[in-house]
Amino acid sequence: MSNLKIIAGPFTFLGRLEAESAPRTCDYFKSCLPYSERIIHVRWSGEGCWIPLGDEAIDLPVENATSYPAPGQFIFYPGGFSETEILLAYGGVRFASKLGQLAGNHFLSITEGLDQLAQLGRLALWEGAQDIRFEMA
């Protein structure tokens, strides 16, 4: 089991990589660690925050894909119909872009700190982009 520490804005979370159900996505993400970026509120998907990664597609298969991640689940969309991105659900999400509904690989789940998710979402919505860092715990 791979555990991650996730620091987003003023909040700290612990998470578990979903290596059994999304092995290639998890391997790719682990190769990027430690990973720092900024997280912003989603445009179309509901109560979520995302990390836009641009137009370059990442060669990953569909693994454990969902359009409806639960609060605390991260999904990785490797590109194709929309830009490459990582999305974190903090409430109700229907993963979509301006082109319509999408599905992303559920590869990471928050295991500690779920009670802070809504606060992170409101912070990103009302105050803008927040720093986020992923590292092995």
N, C-alpha and C. Protein backbone atom coordinates (compact mmCIF):
# COMPACT_ATOMS: atom_id res chain seq x y z
N MET A 1 0.85 -1.18 0.00
CA MET A 1 0.00 0.00 0.00
C MET A 1 0.89 1.24 0.00
N SER A 2 0.63 2.17 -0.91
CA SER A 2 1.40 3.40 -1.01
C SER A 2 0.59 4.54 -0.41
N ASN A 3 1.18 5.21 0.56
CA ASN A 3 0.53 6.33 1.20
C ASN A 3 1.20 7.63 0.77
N LEU A 4 0.37 8.65 0.58
CA LEU A 4 0.86 9.96 0.19
C LEU A 4 0.43 10.99 1.21
N LYS A 5 1.26 12.01 1.35
CA LYS A 5 0.90 13.21 2.08
C LYS A 5 0.55 14.25 1.04
N ILE A 6 -0.59 14.91 1.23
CA ILE A 6 -1.08 15.90 0.28
C ILE A 6 -1.28 17.19 1.05
N ILE A 7 -0.57 18.24 0.68
CA ILE A 7 -0.72 19.54 1.31
C ILE A 7 -1.37 20.45 0.28
N ALA A 8 -2.58 20.93 0.58
CA ALA A 8 -3.33 21.76 -0.36
C ALA A 8 -3.78 23.02 0.38
N GLY A 9 -3.28 24.17 -0.06
CA GLY A 9 -3.56 25.39 0.68
C GLY A 9 -3.08 25.18 2.11
N PRO A 10 -3.90 25.55 3.12
CA PRO A 10 -3.49 25.37 4.52
C PRO A 10 -3.81 23.99 5.09
N PHE A 11 -4.30 23.08 4.28
CA PHE A 11 -4.78 21.77 4.75
C PHE A 11 -3.80 20.65 4.42
N THR A 12 -3.75 19.65 5.28
CA THR A 12 -2.93 18.46 5.06
C THR A 12 -3.82 17.23 5.08
N PHE A 13 -3.61 16.37 4.09
CA PHE A 13 -4.38 15.13 3.94
C PHE A 13 -3.42 13.96 3.81
N LEU A 14 -3.90 12.78 4.13
CA LEU A 14 -3.19 11.55 3.81
C LEU A 14 -4.02 10.81 2.78
N GLY A 15 -3.35 10.15 1.85
CA GLY A 15 -4.05 9.44 0.80
C GLY A 15 -3.42 8.11 0.49
N ARG A 16 -4.20 7.29 -0.21
CA ARG A 16 -3.76 5.94 -0.61
C ARG A 16 -3.83 5.84 -2.13
N LEU A 17 -2.73 5.45 -2.76
CA LEU A 17 -2.75 5.17 -4.19
C LEU A 17 -3.55 3.90 -4.44
N GLU A 18 -4.39 3.91 -5.45
CA GLU A 18 -5.25 2.77 -5.79
C GLU A 18 -4.51 1.87 -6.80
N ALA A 19 -3.40 1.29 -6.35
CA ALA A 19 -2.50 0.56 -7.23
C ALA A 19 -3.10 -0.71 -7.81
N GLU A 20 -4.00 -1.36 -7.10
CA GLU A 20 -4.60 -2.59 -7.63
C GLU A 20 -5.55 -2.31 -8.78
N SER A 21 -6.30 -1.23 -8.70
CA SER A 21 -7.31 -0.94 -9.72
C SER A 21 -6.83 0.02 -10.80
N ALA A 22 -5.74 0.74 -10.55
CA ALA A 22 -5.19 1.68 -11.55
C ALA A 22 -3.66 1.63 -11.51
N PRO A 23 -3.07 0.47 -11.79
CA PRO A 23 -1.61 0.31 -11.61
C PRO A 23 -0.77 1.22 -12.49
N ARG A 24 -1.11 1.36 -13.75
CA ARG A 24 -0.26 2.19 -14.65
C ARG A 24 -0.40 3.66 -14.31
N THR A 25 -1.60 4.08 -13.95
CA THR A 25 -1.79 5.48 -13.57
C THR A 25 -1.02 5.78 -12.29
N CYS A 26 -1.08 4.89 -11.32
CA CYS A 26 -0.33 5.07 -10.08
C CYS A 26 1.17 5.07 -10.32
N ASP A 27 1.67 4.17 -11.15
CA ASP A 27 3.10 4.15 -11.47
C ASP A 27 3.53 5.47 -12.11
N TYR A 28 2.71 5.96 -13.05
CA TYR A 28 3.04 7.24 -13.69
C TYR A 28 3.07 8.36 -12.65
N PHE A 29 2.06 8.41 -11.79
CA PHE A 29 2.00 9.50 -10.81
C PHE A 29 3.16 9.40 -9.83
N LYS A 30 3.48 8.19 -9.37
CA LYS A 30 4.61 8.02 -8.45
C LYS A 30 5.92 8.49 -9.08
N SER A 31 6.06 8.32 -10.41
CA SER A 31 7.29 8.76 -11.08
C SER A 31 7.41 10.29 -11.09
N CYS A 32 6.34 10.99 -10.82
CA CYS A 32 6.33 12.46 -10.79
C CYS A 32 6.61 13.03 -9.40
N LEU A 33 6.61 12.17 -8.37
CA LEU A 33 6.73 12.64 -6.99
C LEU A 33 8.15 13.03 -6.63
N PRO A 34 8.34 13.99 -5.73
CA PRO A 34 7.30 14.86 -5.20
C PRO A 34 6.78 15.79 -6.30
N TYR A 35 5.49 16.08 -6.23
CA TYR A 35 4.84 16.86 -7.28
C TYR A 35 4.16 18.09 -6.66
N SER A 36 4.50 19.26 -7.18
CA SER A 36 3.91 20.51 -6.70
C SER A 36 3.27 21.24 -7.86
N GLU A 37 2.11 21.80 -7.61
CA GLU A 37 1.37 22.54 -8.65
C GLU A 37 0.39 23.46 -7.93
N ARG A 38 -0.57 23.97 -8.66
CA ARG A 38 -1.66 24.77 -8.09
C ARG A 38 -2.96 24.10 -8.47
N ILE A 39 -3.91 24.16 -7.55
CA ILE A 39 -5.22 23.56 -7.77
C ILE A 39 -6.26 24.68 -7.82
N ILE A 40 -7.18 24.58 -8.77
CA ILE A 40 -8.21 25.60 -8.93
C ILE A 40 -9.58 24.94 -8.94
N HIS A 41 -10.61 25.76 -8.75
CA HIS A 41 -11.96 25.20 -8.75
C HIS A 41 -12.35 24.81 -10.16
N VAL A 42 -13.14 23.73 -10.30
CA VAL A 42 -13.55 23.24 -11.61
C VAL A 42 -14.49 24.22 -12.30
N ARG A 43 -14.61 24.08 -13.60
CA ARG A 43 -15.47 24.95 -14.39
C ARG A 43 -16.86 24.35 -14.58
N TRP A 44 -16.93 23.07 -14.96
CA TRP A 44 -18.19 22.45 -15.35
C TRP A 44 -18.62 21.29 -14.47
N SER A 45 -17.73 20.76 -13.68
CA SER A 45 -17.95 19.45 -13.07
C SER A 45 -18.67 19.45 -11.73
N GLY A 46 -18.90 20.58 -11.10
CA GLY A 46 -19.59 20.58 -9.82
C GLY A 46 -18.66 20.95 -8.69
N GLU A 47 -18.70 20.16 -7.60
CA GLU A 47 -17.92 20.46 -6.41
C GLU A 47 -16.59 19.71 -6.46
N GLY A 48 -15.66 20.29 -7.18
CA GLY A 48 -14.35 19.69 -7.34
C GLY A 48 -13.31 20.75 -7.62
N CYS A 49 -12.07 20.35 -7.50
CA CYS A 49 -10.93 21.20 -7.83
C CYS A 49 -10.05 20.41 -8.79
N TRP A 50 -9.33 21.13 -9.64
CA TRP A 50 -8.54 20.42 -10.64
C TRP A 50 -7.18 21.06 -10.83
N ILE A 51 -6.30 20.25 -11.38
CA ILE A 51 -4.97 20.69 -11.79
C ILE A 51 -4.91 20.52 -13.30
N PRO A 52 -5.00 21.63 -14.05
CA PRO A 52 -4.89 21.51 -15.51
C PRO A 52 -3.44 21.20 -15.90
N LEU A 53 -3.27 20.23 -16.79
CA LEU A 53 -1.93 19.79 -17.19
C LEU A 53 -1.63 20.08 -18.66
N GLY A 54 -2.51 20.79 -19.34
CA GLY A 54 -2.23 21.19 -20.72
C GLY A 54 -2.75 20.21 -21.75
N ASP A 55 -2.32 20.44 -22.98
CA ASP A 55 -2.85 19.70 -24.12
C ASP A 55 -2.08 18.42 -24.45
N GLU A 56 -0.93 18.19 -23.82
CA GLU A 56 -0.16 16.98 -24.15
C GLU A 56 -0.80 15.76 -23.49
N ALA A 57 -1.22 14.82 -24.30
CA ALA A 57 -1.84 13.59 -23.79
C ALA A 57 -0.78 12.68 -23.18
N ILE A 58 -1.14 12.00 -22.11
CA ILE A 58 -0.28 11.03 -21.45
C ILE A 58 -0.77 9.64 -21.87
N ASP A 59 0.15 8.78 -22.26
CA ASP A 59 -0.21 7.45 -22.75
C ASP A 59 -0.55 6.52 -21.59
N LEU A 60 -1.81 6.56 -21.17
CA LEU A 60 -2.30 5.69 -20.10
C LEU A 60 -3.59 5.02 -20.56
N PRO A 61 -3.79 3.76 -20.15
CA PRO A 61 -5.04 3.09 -20.50
C PRO A 61 -6.17 3.55 -19.59
N VAL A 62 -7.37 3.18 -19.95
CA VAL A 62 -8.52 3.40 -19.07
C VAL A 62 -8.40 2.39 -17.92
N GLU A 63 -8.37 2.90 -16.69
CA GLU A 63 -8.24 2.06 -15.49
C GLU A 63 -9.16 2.63 -14.42
N ASN A 64 -10.06 1.82 -13.92
CA ASN A 64 -10.88 2.24 -12.78
C ASN A 64 -11.55 3.59 -13.07
N ALA A 65 -12.01 3.78 -14.29
CA ALA A 65 -12.51 5.08 -14.74
C ALA A 65 -13.90 5.37 -14.19
N THR A 66 -14.12 6.65 -13.92
CA THR A 66 -15.41 7.10 -13.45
C THR A 66 -15.67 8.54 -13.91
N SER A 67 -16.93 8.86 -14.05
CA SER A 67 -17.36 10.24 -14.28
C SER A 67 -17.88 10.85 -12.99
N TYR A 68 -18.06 10.02 -11.97
CA TYR A 68 -18.67 10.46 -10.72
C TYR A 68 -17.77 10.10 -9.52
N PRO A 69 -16.61 10.74 -9.39
CA PRO A 69 -15.77 10.44 -8.24
C PRO A 69 -16.46 10.88 -6.95
N ALA A 70 -16.27 10.11 -5.90
CA ALA A 70 -16.81 10.45 -4.58
C ALA A 70 -15.90 11.48 -3.92
N PRO A 71 -16.43 12.20 -2.92
CA PRO A 71 -15.58 13.15 -2.20
C PRO A 71 -14.32 12.47 -1.67
N GLY A 72 -13.18 13.09 -1.95
CA GLY A 72 -11.89 12.55 -1.52
C GLY A 72 -11.21 11.69 -2.56
N GLN A 73 -11.86 11.47 -3.70
CA GLN A 73 -11.23 10.69 -4.77
C GLN A 73 -10.60 11.61 -5.81
N PHE A 74 -9.38 11.28 -6.20
CA PHE A 74 -8.69 11.97 -7.29
C PHE A 74 -8.84 11.12 -8.55
N ILE A 75 -9.11 11.76 -9.67
CA ILE A 75 -9.10 11.07 -10.95
C ILE A 75 -8.09 11.76 -11.87
N PHE A 76 -7.49 10.96 -12.74
CA PHE A 76 -6.51 11.44 -13.72
C PHE A 76 -7.10 11.24 -15.10
N TYR A 77 -7.24 12.34 -15.83
CA TYR A 77 -7.70 12.27 -17.21
C TYR A 77 -6.48 12.48 -18.09
N PRO A 78 -6.06 11.46 -18.86
CA PRO A 78 -4.81 11.55 -19.60
C PRO A 78 -4.88 12.33 -20.91
N GLY A 79 -6.01 12.98 -21.17
CA GLY A 79 -6.13 13.78 -22.39
C GLY A 79 -6.88 13.03 -23.46
N GLY A 80 -7.15 13.76 -24.53
CA GLY A 80 -7.90 13.18 -25.64
C GLY A 80 -8.95 14.16 -26.11
N PHE A 81 -10.15 14.06 -25.56
CA PHE A 81 -11.23 14.96 -25.94
C PHE A 81 -11.10 16.33 -25.29
N SER A 82 -10.44 16.39 -24.15
CA SER A 82 -10.22 17.63 -23.41
C SER A 82 -8.78 17.62 -22.93
N GLU A 83 -8.39 18.67 -22.23
CA GLU A 83 -7.00 18.73 -21.79
C GLU A 83 -6.71 17.73 -20.68
N THR A 84 -5.46 17.37 -20.54
CA THR A 84 -5.00 16.47 -19.50
C THR A 84 -5.19 17.16 -18.15
N GLU A 85 -5.65 16.39 -17.14
CA GLU A 85 -5.89 17.00 -15.84
C GLU A 85 -5.99 15.98 -14.73
N ILE A 86 -5.86 16.49 -13.51
CA ILE A 86 -6.13 15.75 -12.29
C ILE A 86 -7.28 16.46 -11.60
N LEU A 87 -8.29 15.72 -11.14
CA LEU A 87 -9.44 16.31 -10.48
C LEU A 87 -9.65 15.68 -9.12
N LEU A 88 -9.97 16.51 -8.13
CA LEU A 88 -10.31 16.07 -6.79
C LEU A 88 -11.75 16.45 -6.50
N ALA A 89 -12.58 15.48 -6.18
CA ALA A 89 -13.96 15.75 -5.79
C ALA A 89 -14.00 16.10 -4.31
N TYR A 90 -14.71 17.20 -3.97
CA TYR A 90 -14.95 17.50 -2.56
C TYR A 90 -16.44 17.43 -2.23
N GLY A 91 -17.26 17.23 -3.22
CA GLY A 91 -18.71 17.09 -3.08
C GLY A 91 -19.21 16.37 -4.32
N GLY A 92 -20.43 16.70 -4.73
CA GLY A 92 -21.00 16.07 -5.91
C GLY A 92 -20.31 16.50 -7.19
N VAL A 93 -19.83 15.54 -7.98
CA VAL A 93 -19.11 15.81 -9.22
C VAL A 93 -19.67 14.94 -10.34
N ARG A 94 -19.86 15.55 -11.49
CA ARG A 94 -20.08 14.85 -12.76
C ARG A 94 -18.99 15.37 -13.67
N PHE A 95 -17.92 14.61 -13.82
CA PHE A 95 -16.72 15.04 -14.54
C PHE A 95 -17.06 15.37 -15.98
N ALA A 96 -16.76 16.61 -16.39
CA ALA A 96 -17.12 17.06 -17.73
C ALA A 96 -16.19 18.17 -18.19
N SER A 97 -16.29 18.47 -19.48
CA SER A 97 -15.60 19.60 -20.08
C SER A 97 -16.60 20.33 -20.96
N LYS A 98 -16.15 21.34 -21.67
CA LYS A 98 -17.06 22.04 -22.57
C LYS A 98 -17.55 21.13 -23.69
N LEU A 99 -16.89 19.99 -23.89
CA LEU A 99 -17.30 19.03 -24.91
C LEU A 99 -18.29 18.00 -24.38
N GLY A 100 -18.52 17.99 -23.06
CA GLY A 100 -19.46 17.04 -22.48
C GLY A 100 -18.82 16.17 -21.41
N GLN A 101 -19.54 15.14 -21.02
CA GLN A 101 -19.12 14.25 -19.94
C GLN A 101 -17.85 13.49 -20.32
N LEU A 102 -16.95 13.34 -19.33
CA LEU A 102 -15.70 12.61 -19.48
C LEU A 102 -15.61 11.56 -18.38
N ALA A 103 -14.62 10.70 -18.45
CA ALA A 103 -14.30 9.75 -17.38
C ALA A 103 -12.80 9.80 -17.15
N GLY A 104 -12.41 9.74 -15.89
CA GLY A 104 -10.99 9.74 -15.54
C GLY A 104 -10.67 8.55 -14.66
N ASN A 105 -9.39 8.20 -14.62
CA ASN A 105 -8.91 7.06 -13.84
C ASN A 105 -8.85 7.42 -12.36
N HIS A 106 -9.65 6.75 -11.53
CA HIS A 106 -9.57 6.95 -10.07
C HIS A 106 -8.31 6.25 -9.59
N PHE A 107 -7.33 7.07 -9.15
CA PHE A 107 -6.02 6.52 -8.81
C PHE A 107 -5.57 6.83 -7.39
N LEU A 108 -6.27 7.72 -6.69
CA LEU A 108 -5.84 8.16 -5.37
C LEU A 108 -7.06 8.51 -4.55
N SER A 109 -7.07 8.07 -3.28
CA SER A 109 -8.19 8.36 -2.37
C SER A 109 -7.65 8.97 -1.09
N ILE A 110 -8.27 10.04 -0.64
CA ILE A 110 -7.91 10.62 0.65
C ILE A 110 -8.44 9.70 1.74
N THR A 111 -7.57 9.38 2.70
CA THR A 111 -7.93 8.51 3.81
C THR A 111 -8.00 9.24 5.14
N GLU A 112 -7.34 10.38 5.25
CA GLU A 112 -7.39 11.20 6.46
C GLU A 112 -7.51 12.66 6.05
N GLY A 113 -8.43 13.37 6.72
CA GLY A 113 -8.64 14.79 6.44
C GLY A 113 -9.87 15.07 5.61
N LEU A 114 -10.71 14.07 5.41
CA LEU A 114 -11.92 14.27 4.59
C LEU A 114 -12.79 15.42 5.11
N ASP A 115 -12.74 15.65 6.42
CA ASP A 115 -13.54 16.72 7.00
C ASP A 115 -13.09 18.12 6.56
N GLN A 116 -11.91 18.21 5.96
CA GLN A 116 -11.39 19.51 5.50
C GLN A 116 -11.67 19.77 4.01
N LEU A 117 -12.19 18.78 3.30
CA LEU A 117 -12.35 18.90 1.84
C LEU A 117 -13.25 20.06 1.43
N ALA A 118 -14.40 20.18 2.06
CA ALA A 118 -15.32 21.25 1.68
C ALA A 118 -14.69 22.63 1.91
N GLN A 119 -13.91 22.75 2.96
CA GLN A 119 -13.22 24.02 3.22
C GLN A 119 -12.22 24.33 2.11
N LEU A 120 -11.48 23.31 1.66
CA LEU A 120 -10.54 23.51 0.56
C LEU A 120 -11.29 23.94 -0.70
N GLY A 121 -12.41 23.28 -1.00
CA GLY A 121 -13.19 23.64 -2.17
C GLY A 121 -13.69 25.07 -2.13
N ARG A 122 -14.23 25.49 -0.98
CA ARG A 122 -14.71 26.88 -0.85
C ARG A 122 -13.56 27.87 -0.97
N LEU A 123 -12.41 27.53 -0.41
CA LEU A 123 -11.24 28.41 -0.50
C LEU A 123 -10.82 28.60 -1.95
N ALA A 124 -10.75 27.51 -2.71
CA ALA A 124 -10.37 27.61 -4.13
C ALA A 124 -11.43 28.36 -4.93
N LEU A 125 -12.71 28.18 -4.59
CA LEU A 125 -13.78 28.86 -5.30
C LEU A 125 -13.75 30.36 -5.06
N TRP A 126 -13.62 30.77 -3.81
CA TRP A 126 -13.77 32.18 -3.47
C TRP A 126 -12.46 32.96 -3.41
N GLU A 127 -11.35 32.26 -3.21
CA GLU A 127 -10.07 32.98 -3.10
C GLU A 127 -9.07 32.60 -4.18
N GLY A 128 -9.42 31.66 -5.03
CA GLY A 128 -8.56 31.34 -6.16
C GLY A 128 -7.62 30.17 -5.94
N ALA A 129 -6.68 30.04 -6.87
CA ALA A 129 -5.76 28.91 -6.91
C ALA A 129 -5.01 28.73 -5.59
N GLN A 130 -4.84 27.47 -5.21
CA GLN A 130 -4.13 27.11 -4.00
C GLN A 130 -2.95 26.20 -4.36
N ASP A 131 -1.84 26.37 -3.66
CA ASP A 131 -0.72 25.47 -3.86
C ASP A 131 -1.11 24.07 -3.40
N ILE A 132 -0.59 23.07 -4.12
CA ILE A 132 -0.80 21.67 -3.72
C ILE A 132 0.50 20.92 -3.93
N ARG A 133 0.80 20.02 -3.00
CA ARG A 133 2.02 19.21 -3.07
C ARG A 133 1.68 17.78 -2.67
N PHE A 134 2.20 16.85 -3.45
CA PHE A 134 2.05 15.42 -3.19
C PHE A 134 3.43 14.86 -2.92
N GLU A 135 3.56 14.08 -1.86
CA GLU A 135 4.84 13.42 -1.55
C GLU A 135 4.56 12.11 -0.83
N MET A 136 5.51 11.20 -0.87
CA MET A 136 5.35 9.94 -0.17
C MET A 136 5.28 10.21 1.32
N ALA A 137 4.40 9.51 2.01
CA ALA A 137 4.24 9.71 3.48
C ALA A 137 5.24 8.84 4.23
